[in-house]
Amino acid sequence: MSTWDETDFAILRALQEDAALSAATLARRLGLSQPAAWRRVKRLEEVGVIAGRALDLDIARLGFGVTVFLGVKLVTKGRVSLDDFERAVSAIPEVQQVSHVLGLYDYRLRVVARDIADFERVLRRRIMTLPGVGNVEANVLLSEERRPGPLMAG
């Protein structure tokens, strides 16, 4: 098991804020040499602490004005039905996130749509026709404060 020091956590906090930071910028911010910053980032990537870097799109500016969280309860359960549902729901572009959860529902989906009418179309034609879908509960996102979450030193 690897141990992480405060410099590793400082690098991770900086990359959470801006994943595109260069090793040179990280080095300047943290008082390291550029090669030392680069080696630390590479090590964090190699051991899987940094699993990737993603582009954060502003979906509202792309024309998707509605975000809905759906709770989906399947009528049948079993490995085959879970796999079938996950494979089918992953093919729907409006479904941005699929989480298998424990509780009242089996899955929590994050769905984007242009407007409520567009969401209704996605719900009726795509989601409700998926294999095994039983009950569905929708919660429309009103506002969201986006924050990466604090990273604490271990």
N, C-alpha and C. Protein backbone atom coordinates (compact mmCIF):
# COMPACT_ATOMS: atom_id res chain seq x y z
N MET A 1 0.84 -1.18 0.00
CA MET A 1 0.00 0.00 0.00
C MET A 1 0.88 1.24 0.00
N SER A 2 0.54 2.19 -0.85
CA SER A 2 1.32 3.41 -0.95
C SER A 2 0.86 4.42 0.08
N THR A 3 1.77 5.28 0.44
CA THR A 3 1.41 6.37 1.34
C THR A 3 1.50 7.67 0.56
N TRP A 4 0.64 8.58 0.90
CA TRP A 4 0.56 9.86 0.20
C TRP A 4 0.93 10.95 1.18
N ASP A 5 1.78 11.85 0.74
CA ASP A 5 2.16 12.95 1.62
C ASP A 5 1.37 14.21 1.24
N GLU A 6 1.61 15.28 1.98
CA GLU A 6 0.86 16.52 1.77
C GLU A 6 1.07 17.08 0.37
N THR A 7 2.25 16.88 -0.20
CA THR A 7 2.50 17.36 -1.57
C THR A 7 1.63 16.61 -2.57
N ASP A 8 1.48 15.29 -2.38
CA ASP A 8 0.59 14.51 -3.26
C ASP A 8 -0.84 15.06 -3.18
N PHE A 9 -1.30 15.31 -1.97
CA PHE A 9 -2.66 15.84 -1.81
C PHE A 9 -2.79 17.24 -2.39
N ALA A 10 -1.75 18.05 -2.29
CA ALA A 10 -1.78 19.39 -2.88
C ALA A 10 -1.87 19.28 -4.40
N ILE A 11 -1.14 18.35 -4.99
CA ILE A 11 -1.22 18.12 -6.43
C ILE A 11 -2.64 17.70 -6.82
N LEU A 12 -3.21 16.77 -6.08
CA LEU A 12 -4.56 16.29 -6.39
C LEU A 12 -5.60 17.40 -6.26
N ARG A 13 -5.46 18.23 -5.21
CA ARG A 13 -6.41 19.36 -5.05
C ARG A 13 -6.29 20.31 -6.24
N ALA A 14 -5.07 20.61 -6.65
CA ALA A 14 -4.86 21.54 -7.78
C ALA A 14 -5.44 20.94 -9.06
N LEU A 15 -5.23 19.65 -9.30
CA LEU A 15 -5.74 19.02 -10.52
C LEU A 15 -7.26 18.86 -10.48
N GLN A 16 -7.85 18.75 -9.29
CA GLN A 16 -9.32 18.73 -9.21
C GLN A 16 -9.90 20.05 -9.68
N GLU A 17 -9.22 21.14 -9.36
CA GLU A 17 -9.69 22.46 -9.78
C GLU A 17 -9.48 22.68 -11.26
N ASP A 18 -8.36 22.21 -11.79
CA ASP A 18 -8.04 22.38 -13.21
C ASP A 18 -7.18 21.21 -13.67
N ALA A 19 -7.81 20.23 -14.30
CA ALA A 19 -7.12 19.01 -14.71
C ALA A 19 -6.11 19.26 -15.81
N ALA A 20 -6.14 20.42 -16.44
CA ALA A 20 -5.23 20.72 -17.55
C ALA A 20 -3.93 21.37 -17.09
N LEU A 21 -3.73 21.52 -15.79
CA LEU A 21 -2.51 22.17 -15.31
C LEU A 21 -1.28 21.39 -15.77
N SER A 22 -0.27 22.11 -16.21
CA SER A 22 0.98 21.49 -16.64
C SER A 22 1.85 21.20 -15.42
N ALA A 23 2.84 20.35 -15.62
CA ALA A 23 3.80 20.05 -14.55
C ALA A 23 4.54 21.32 -14.14
N ALA A 24 4.81 22.19 -15.11
CA ALA A 24 5.51 23.45 -14.81
C ALA A 24 4.66 24.33 -13.89
N THR A 25 3.37 24.43 -14.18
CA THR A 25 2.48 25.25 -13.35
C THR A 25 2.35 24.65 -11.96
N LEU A 26 2.18 23.32 -11.89
CA LEU A 26 2.10 22.66 -10.58
C LEU A 26 3.38 22.90 -9.79
N ALA A 27 4.51 22.78 -10.46
CA ALA A 27 5.80 22.98 -9.79
C ALA A 27 5.90 24.38 -9.19
N ARG A 28 5.51 25.40 -9.99
CA ARG A 28 5.56 26.79 -9.50
C ARG A 28 4.64 26.96 -8.29
N ARG A 29 3.43 26.43 -8.39
CA ARG A 29 2.47 26.59 -7.29
C ARG A 29 2.91 25.91 -6.01
N LEU A 30 3.58 24.77 -6.14
CA LEU A 30 3.89 23.96 -4.97
C LEU A 30 5.35 24.05 -4.53
N GLY A 31 6.13 24.86 -5.24
CA GLY A 31 7.53 25.01 -4.86
C GLY A 31 8.37 23.78 -5.15
N LEU A 32 8.06 23.09 -6.23
CA LEU A 32 8.81 21.90 -6.65
C LEU A 32 9.55 22.20 -7.94
N SER A 33 10.46 21.32 -8.31
CA SER A 33 11.05 21.41 -9.64
C SER A 33 10.04 20.80 -10.61
N GLN A 34 10.13 21.20 -11.88
CA GLN A 34 9.21 20.64 -12.88
C GLN A 34 9.35 19.12 -12.99
N PRO A 35 10.58 18.57 -13.03
CA PRO A 35 10.69 17.10 -13.10
C PRO A 35 10.08 16.40 -11.89
N ALA A 36 10.23 16.99 -10.69
CA ALA A 36 9.67 16.38 -9.48
C ALA A 36 8.14 16.38 -9.54
N ALA A 37 7.55 17.48 -9.99
CA ALA A 37 6.09 17.55 -10.13
C ALA A 37 5.61 16.53 -11.15
N TRP A 38 6.30 16.45 -12.28
CA TRP A 38 5.93 15.50 -13.33
C TRP A 38 6.00 14.06 -12.83
N ARG A 39 7.08 13.71 -12.09
CA ARG A 39 7.24 12.35 -11.55
C ARG A 39 6.11 12.01 -10.58
N ARG A 40 5.74 12.98 -9.74
CA ARG A 40 4.67 12.71 -8.78
C ARG A 40 3.33 12.49 -9.50
N VAL A 41 3.03 13.32 -10.50
CA VAL A 41 1.78 13.14 -11.25
C VAL A 41 1.79 11.79 -11.95
N LYS A 42 2.89 11.43 -12.58
CA LYS A 42 3.00 10.13 -13.27
C LYS A 42 2.78 8.98 -12.30
N ARG A 43 3.38 9.07 -11.11
CA ARG A 43 3.21 8.01 -10.09
C ARG A 43 1.75 7.90 -9.68
N LEU A 44 1.09 9.04 -9.47
CA LEU A 44 -0.33 9.03 -9.10
C LEU A 44 -1.19 8.42 -10.20
N GLU A 45 -0.80 8.66 -11.46
CA GLU A 45 -1.52 8.05 -12.58
C GLU A 45 -1.25 6.55 -12.65
N GLU A 46 0.00 6.15 -12.49
CA GLU A 46 0.38 4.74 -12.61
C GLU A 46 -0.27 3.86 -11.55
N VAL A 47 -0.44 4.37 -10.34
CA VAL A 47 -1.08 3.57 -9.28
C VAL A 47 -2.59 3.70 -9.29
N GLY A 48 -3.12 4.53 -10.20
CA GLY A 48 -4.57 4.62 -10.36
C GLY A 48 -5.28 5.64 -9.49
N VAL A 49 -4.53 6.43 -8.72
CA VAL A 49 -5.17 7.49 -7.93
C VAL A 49 -5.77 8.53 -8.86
N ILE A 50 -5.05 8.88 -9.92
CA ILE A 50 -5.60 9.72 -10.98
C ILE A 50 -6.05 8.74 -12.07
N ALA A 51 -7.35 8.58 -12.18
CA ALA A 51 -7.90 7.59 -13.11
C ALA A 51 -8.10 8.14 -14.51
N GLY A 52 -7.99 9.42 -14.67
CA GLY A 52 -8.17 10.04 -15.98
C GLY A 52 -8.47 11.51 -15.80
N ARG A 53 -8.53 12.19 -16.89
CA ARG A 53 -8.85 13.62 -16.86
C ARG A 53 -9.99 13.83 -17.84
N ALA A 54 -11.04 14.48 -17.37
CA ALA A 54 -12.25 14.62 -18.18
C ALA A 54 -12.50 16.07 -18.54
N LEU A 55 -13.15 16.25 -19.66
CA LEU A 55 -13.58 17.56 -20.10
C LEU A 55 -14.94 17.84 -19.46
N ASP A 56 -15.09 18.98 -18.83
CA ASP A 56 -16.34 19.34 -18.16
C ASP A 56 -17.13 20.28 -19.07
N LEU A 57 -18.17 19.76 -19.69
CA LEU A 57 -18.97 20.53 -20.63
C LEU A 57 -20.09 21.28 -19.90
N ASP A 58 -20.41 22.46 -20.37
CA ASP A 58 -21.55 23.22 -19.85
C ASP A 58 -22.76 22.80 -20.67
N ILE A 59 -23.54 21.86 -20.14
CA ILE A 59 -24.65 21.30 -20.91
C ILE A 59 -25.74 22.32 -21.19
N ALA A 60 -25.91 23.31 -20.33
CA ALA A 60 -26.91 24.34 -20.58
C ALA A 60 -26.55 25.15 -21.82
N ARG A 61 -25.28 25.47 -21.99
CA ARG A 61 -24.85 26.22 -23.18
C ARG A 61 -24.94 25.37 -24.44
N LEU A 62 -24.97 24.06 -24.28
CA LEU A 62 -25.14 23.16 -25.42
C LEU A 62 -26.61 22.94 -25.76
N GLY A 63 -27.51 23.58 -24.98
CA GLY A 63 -28.93 23.50 -25.29
C GLY A 63 -29.71 22.52 -24.43
N PHE A 64 -29.06 21.92 -23.43
CA PHE A 64 -29.77 21.00 -22.55
C PHE A 64 -30.13 21.74 -21.27
N GLY A 65 -31.38 22.22 -21.21
CA GLY A 65 -31.81 23.07 -20.11
C GLY A 65 -32.42 22.35 -18.93
N VAL A 66 -32.64 21.04 -19.05
CA VAL A 66 -33.30 20.28 -17.99
C VAL A 66 -32.44 19.08 -17.61
N THR A 67 -32.23 18.92 -16.31
CA THR A 67 -31.57 17.73 -15.79
C THR A 67 -32.53 17.06 -14.83
N VAL A 68 -32.70 15.75 -15.00
CA VAL A 68 -33.63 14.99 -14.17
C VAL A 68 -32.88 13.79 -13.59
N PHE A 69 -33.09 13.57 -12.30
CA PHE A 69 -32.57 12.37 -11.66
C PHE A 69 -33.71 11.37 -11.61
N LEU A 70 -33.48 10.19 -12.16
CA LEU A 70 -34.50 9.16 -12.18
C LEU A 70 -34.11 8.02 -11.25
N GLY A 71 -35.06 7.61 -10.42
CA GLY A 71 -34.91 6.38 -9.66
C GLY A 71 -35.63 5.31 -10.47
N VAL A 72 -34.96 4.21 -10.77
CA VAL A 72 -35.54 3.15 -11.58
C VAL A 72 -35.54 1.85 -10.78
N LYS A 73 -36.71 1.26 -10.63
CA LYS A 73 -36.86 -0.04 -9.97
C LYS A 73 -37.13 -1.07 -11.06
N LEU A 74 -36.34 -2.11 -11.09
CA LEU A 74 -36.54 -3.17 -12.07
C LEU A 74 -37.60 -4.15 -11.57
N VAL A 75 -38.36 -4.74 -12.51
CA VAL A 75 -39.39 -5.70 -12.12
C VAL A 75 -38.79 -7.07 -11.82
N THR A 76 -37.71 -7.39 -12.48
CA THR A 76 -37.02 -8.66 -12.21
C THR A 76 -35.57 -8.35 -11.90
N LYS A 77 -35.02 -9.16 -11.02
CA LYS A 77 -33.62 -8.95 -10.65
C LYS A 77 -32.86 -10.22 -10.91
N GLY A 78 -31.61 -10.07 -11.13
CA GLY A 78 -30.72 -11.17 -11.43
C GLY A 78 -29.61 -10.62 -12.29
N ARG A 79 -28.53 -11.31 -12.35
CA ARG A 79 -27.37 -10.81 -13.08
C ARG A 79 -27.70 -10.50 -14.54
N VAL A 80 -28.48 -11.38 -15.18
CA VAL A 80 -28.80 -11.17 -16.60
C VAL A 80 -29.64 -9.91 -16.78
N SER A 81 -30.66 -9.72 -15.94
CA SER A 81 -31.51 -8.55 -16.11
C SER A 81 -30.75 -7.26 -15.79
N LEU A 82 -29.86 -7.28 -14.81
CA LEU A 82 -29.04 -6.10 -14.50
C LEU A 82 -28.13 -5.77 -15.68
N ASP A 83 -27.47 -6.79 -16.22
CA ASP A 83 -26.58 -6.57 -17.36
C ASP A 83 -27.35 -6.04 -18.57
N ASP A 84 -28.53 -6.61 -18.85
CA ASP A 84 -29.35 -6.18 -19.98
C ASP A 84 -29.76 -4.72 -19.81
N PHE A 85 -30.20 -4.36 -18.60
CA PHE A 85 -30.61 -2.99 -18.35
C PHE A 85 -29.42 -2.04 -18.50
N GLU A 86 -28.29 -2.37 -17.89
CA GLU A 86 -27.11 -1.49 -17.94
C GLU A 86 -26.62 -1.30 -19.37
N ARG A 87 -26.61 -2.36 -20.14
CA ARG A 87 -26.17 -2.27 -21.54
C ARG A 87 -27.12 -1.37 -22.34
N ALA A 88 -28.42 -1.55 -22.15
CA ALA A 88 -29.41 -0.77 -22.90
C ALA A 88 -29.42 0.70 -22.48
N VAL A 89 -29.37 0.97 -21.18
CA VAL A 89 -29.44 2.36 -20.70
C VAL A 89 -28.16 3.12 -21.08
N SER A 90 -27.04 2.42 -21.15
CA SER A 90 -25.78 3.07 -21.52
C SER A 90 -25.77 3.53 -22.97
N ALA A 91 -26.66 3.01 -23.78
CA ALA A 91 -26.73 3.40 -25.20
C ALA A 91 -27.57 4.65 -25.42
N ILE A 92 -28.21 5.18 -24.38
CA ILE A 92 -29.05 6.37 -24.51
C ILE A 92 -28.18 7.60 -24.24
N PRO A 93 -27.95 8.46 -25.25
CA PRO A 93 -27.03 9.58 -25.06
C PRO A 93 -27.48 10.59 -24.00
N GLU A 94 -28.76 10.73 -23.79
CA GLU A 94 -29.25 11.70 -22.79
C GLU A 94 -28.98 11.23 -21.36
N VAL A 95 -28.72 9.96 -21.17
CA VAL A 95 -28.40 9.43 -19.84
C VAL A 95 -26.91 9.65 -19.60
N GLN A 96 -26.62 10.61 -18.73
CA GLN A 96 -25.25 11.02 -18.48
C GLN A 96 -24.55 10.22 -17.39
N GLN A 97 -25.33 9.62 -16.50
CA GLN A 97 -24.74 8.86 -15.40
C GLN A 97 -25.69 7.75 -15.02
N VAL A 98 -25.13 6.56 -14.78
CA VAL A 98 -25.89 5.40 -14.35
C VAL A 98 -25.25 4.87 -13.07
N SER A 99 -26.01 4.85 -11.98
CA SER A 99 -25.48 4.37 -10.71
C SER A 99 -26.36 3.23 -10.21
N HIS A 100 -25.77 2.07 -9.95
CA HIS A 100 -26.47 0.95 -9.34
C HIS A 100 -26.45 1.21 -7.84
N VAL A 101 -27.63 1.33 -7.22
CA VAL A 101 -27.70 1.78 -5.83
C VAL A 101 -28.48 0.78 -4.98
N LEU A 102 -28.30 0.90 -3.70
CA LEU A 102 -29.03 0.11 -2.72
C LEU A 102 -30.11 0.99 -2.12
N GLY A 103 -31.32 0.51 -2.04
CA GLY A 103 -32.40 1.30 -1.46
C GLY A 103 -33.70 1.06 -2.18
N LEU A 104 -34.54 2.06 -2.19
CA LEU A 104 -35.87 1.95 -2.79
C LEU A 104 -35.80 1.64 -4.28
N TYR A 105 -34.81 2.19 -4.96
CA TYR A 105 -34.65 1.96 -6.40
C TYR A 105 -33.38 1.17 -6.64
N ASP A 106 -33.32 0.54 -7.81
CA ASP A 106 -32.14 -0.24 -8.18
C ASP A 106 -31.08 0.62 -8.87
N TYR A 107 -31.54 1.65 -9.58
CA TYR A 107 -30.63 2.52 -10.31
C TYR A 107 -31.03 3.97 -10.12
N ARG A 108 -30.03 4.83 -10.16
CA ARG A 108 -30.22 6.27 -10.17
C ARG A 108 -29.58 6.76 -11.47
N LEU A 109 -30.38 7.43 -12.30
CA LEU A 109 -29.89 7.94 -13.59
C LEU A 109 -29.88 9.45 -13.57
N ARG A 110 -28.89 10.03 -14.19
CA ARG A 110 -28.86 11.48 -14.43
C ARG A 110 -29.13 11.65 -15.92
N VAL A 111 -30.25 12.32 -16.23
CA VAL A 111 -30.71 12.45 -17.61
C VAL A 111 -30.77 13.94 -17.96
N VAL A 112 -30.25 14.30 -19.14
CA VAL A 112 -30.36 15.68 -19.61
C VAL A 112 -31.29 15.72 -20.81
N ALA A 113 -31.99 16.85 -20.95
CA ALA A 113 -32.90 17.04 -22.07
C ALA A 113 -32.96 18.53 -22.40
N ARG A 114 -33.43 18.83 -23.59
CA ARG A 114 -33.51 20.24 -24.01
C ARG A 114 -34.55 21.00 -23.19
N ASP A 115 -35.68 20.35 -22.91
CA ASP A 115 -36.75 20.94 -22.12
C ASP A 115 -37.61 19.80 -21.58
N ILE A 116 -38.68 20.14 -20.87
CA ILE A 116 -39.53 19.10 -20.27
C ILE A 116 -40.18 18.22 -21.34
N ALA A 117 -40.60 18.81 -22.45
CA ALA A 117 -41.20 18.01 -23.53
C ALA A 117 -40.19 17.01 -24.09
N ASP A 118 -38.96 17.45 -24.24
CA ASP A 118 -37.90 16.56 -24.72
C ASP A 118 -37.65 15.46 -23.70
N PHE A 119 -37.63 15.80 -22.41
CA PHE A 119 -37.45 14.79 -21.37
C PHE A 119 -38.58 13.76 -21.43
N GLU A 120 -39.82 14.23 -21.60
CA GLU A 120 -40.94 13.29 -21.68
C GLU A 120 -40.76 12.32 -22.84
N ARG A 121 -40.28 12.82 -23.97
CA ARG A 121 -40.02 11.96 -25.12
C ARG A 121 -38.97 10.91 -24.79
N VAL A 122 -37.86 11.34 -24.17
CA VAL A 122 -36.80 10.41 -23.78
C VAL A 122 -37.33 9.37 -22.80
N LEU A 123 -38.11 9.83 -21.83
CA LEU A 123 -38.66 8.92 -20.83
C LEU A 123 -39.58 7.89 -21.47
N ARG A 124 -40.53 8.34 -22.26
CA ARG A 124 -41.53 7.42 -22.86
C ARG A 124 -40.93 6.49 -23.91
N ARG A 125 -40.13 7.04 -24.80
CA ARG A 125 -39.65 6.25 -25.94
C ARG A 125 -38.38 5.47 -25.69
N ARG A 126 -37.57 5.95 -24.75
CA ARG A 126 -36.28 5.28 -24.55
C ARG A 126 -36.17 4.59 -23.20
N ILE A 127 -36.46 5.28 -22.13
CA ILE A 127 -36.23 4.72 -20.80
C ILE A 127 -37.30 3.71 -20.40
N MET A 128 -38.56 4.05 -20.58
CA MET A 128 -39.65 3.15 -20.17
C MET A 128 -39.70 1.88 -21.02
N THR A 129 -39.04 1.87 -22.16
CA THR A 129 -39.02 0.68 -23.02
C THR A 129 -37.81 -0.22 -22.76
N LEU A 130 -36.96 0.16 -21.80
CA LEU A 130 -35.78 -0.64 -21.50
C LEU A 130 -36.17 -1.96 -20.84
N PRO A 131 -35.33 -2.99 -20.99
CA PRO A 131 -35.65 -4.29 -20.39
C PRO A 131 -35.73 -4.23 -18.88
N GLY A 132 -36.84 -4.73 -18.33
CA GLY A 132 -36.99 -4.87 -16.90
C GLY A 132 -37.46 -3.65 -16.14
N VAL A 133 -37.71 -2.51 -16.80
CA VAL A 133 -38.09 -1.29 -16.08
C VAL A 133 -39.48 -1.45 -15.47
N GLY A 134 -39.55 -1.17 -14.18
CA GLY A 134 -40.82 -1.20 -13.45
C GLY A 134 -41.20 0.21 -13.06
N ASN A 135 -41.01 0.55 -11.79
CA ASN A 135 -41.34 1.89 -11.29
C ASN A 135 -40.22 2.87 -11.59
N VAL A 136 -40.63 4.11 -11.88
CA VAL A 136 -39.68 5.18 -12.13
C VAL A 136 -40.13 6.41 -11.35
N GLU A 137 -39.18 7.07 -10.68
CA GLU A 137 -39.46 8.32 -9.99
C GLU A 137 -38.53 9.38 -10.52
N ALA A 138 -39.08 10.56 -10.86
CA ALA A 138 -38.28 11.64 -11.43
C ALA A 138 -38.17 12.80 -10.46
N ASN A 139 -36.97 13.35 -10.36
CA ASN A 139 -36.71 14.56 -9.61
C ASN A 139 -35.98 15.52 -10.54
N VAL A 140 -36.60 16.68 -10.79
CA VAL A 140 -36.03 17.68 -11.69
C VAL A 140 -35.05 18.54 -10.90
N LEU A 141 -33.86 18.70 -11.45
CA LEU A 141 -32.83 19.52 -10.82
C LEU A 141 -33.21 20.99 -10.95
N LEU A 142 -33.27 21.69 -9.82
CA LEU A 142 -33.58 23.12 -9.83
C LEU A 142 -32.30 23.96 -9.85
N SER A 143 -31.34 23.59 -9.03
CA SER A 143 -30.05 24.29 -9.02
C SER A 143 -29.01 23.32 -8.50
N GLU A 144 -27.76 23.66 -8.78
CA GLU A 144 -26.68 22.77 -8.38
C GLU A 144 -25.45 23.59 -8.06
N GLU A 145 -24.85 23.30 -6.93
CA GLU A 145 -23.57 23.90 -6.59
C GLU A 145 -22.52 22.84 -6.86
N ARG A 146 -21.65 23.11 -7.80
CA ARG A 146 -20.65 22.13 -8.18
C ARG A 146 -19.38 22.38 -7.42
N ARG A 147 -18.93 21.35 -6.76
CA ARG A 147 -17.65 21.41 -6.06
C ARG A 147 -17.04 20.03 -6.05
N PRO A 148 -15.73 19.98 -6.17
CA PRO A 148 -15.06 18.69 -6.28
C PRO A 148 -15.03 17.90 -5.00
N GLY A 149 -15.26 18.54 -3.89
CA GLY A 149 -15.17 17.85 -2.60
C GLY A 149 -13.76 17.98 -2.05
N PRO A 150 -13.67 18.12 -0.77
CA PRO A 150 -12.35 18.34 -0.17
C PRO A 150 -11.52 17.06 -0.16
N LEU A 151 -10.25 17.23 -0.39
CA LEU A 151 -9.29 16.12 -0.25
C LEU A 151 -8.53 16.37 1.03
N MET A 152 -8.56 15.41 1.90
CA MET A 152 -7.86 15.55 3.18
C MET A 152 -6.60 14.70 3.17
N ALA A 153 -5.62 15.14 3.86
CA ALA A 153 -4.40 14.32 3.99
C ALA A 153 -4.72 13.11 4.84
N GLY A 154 -4.17 11.97 4.47
CA GLY A 154 -4.45 10.73 5.19
C GLY A 154 -3.56 10.55 6.30
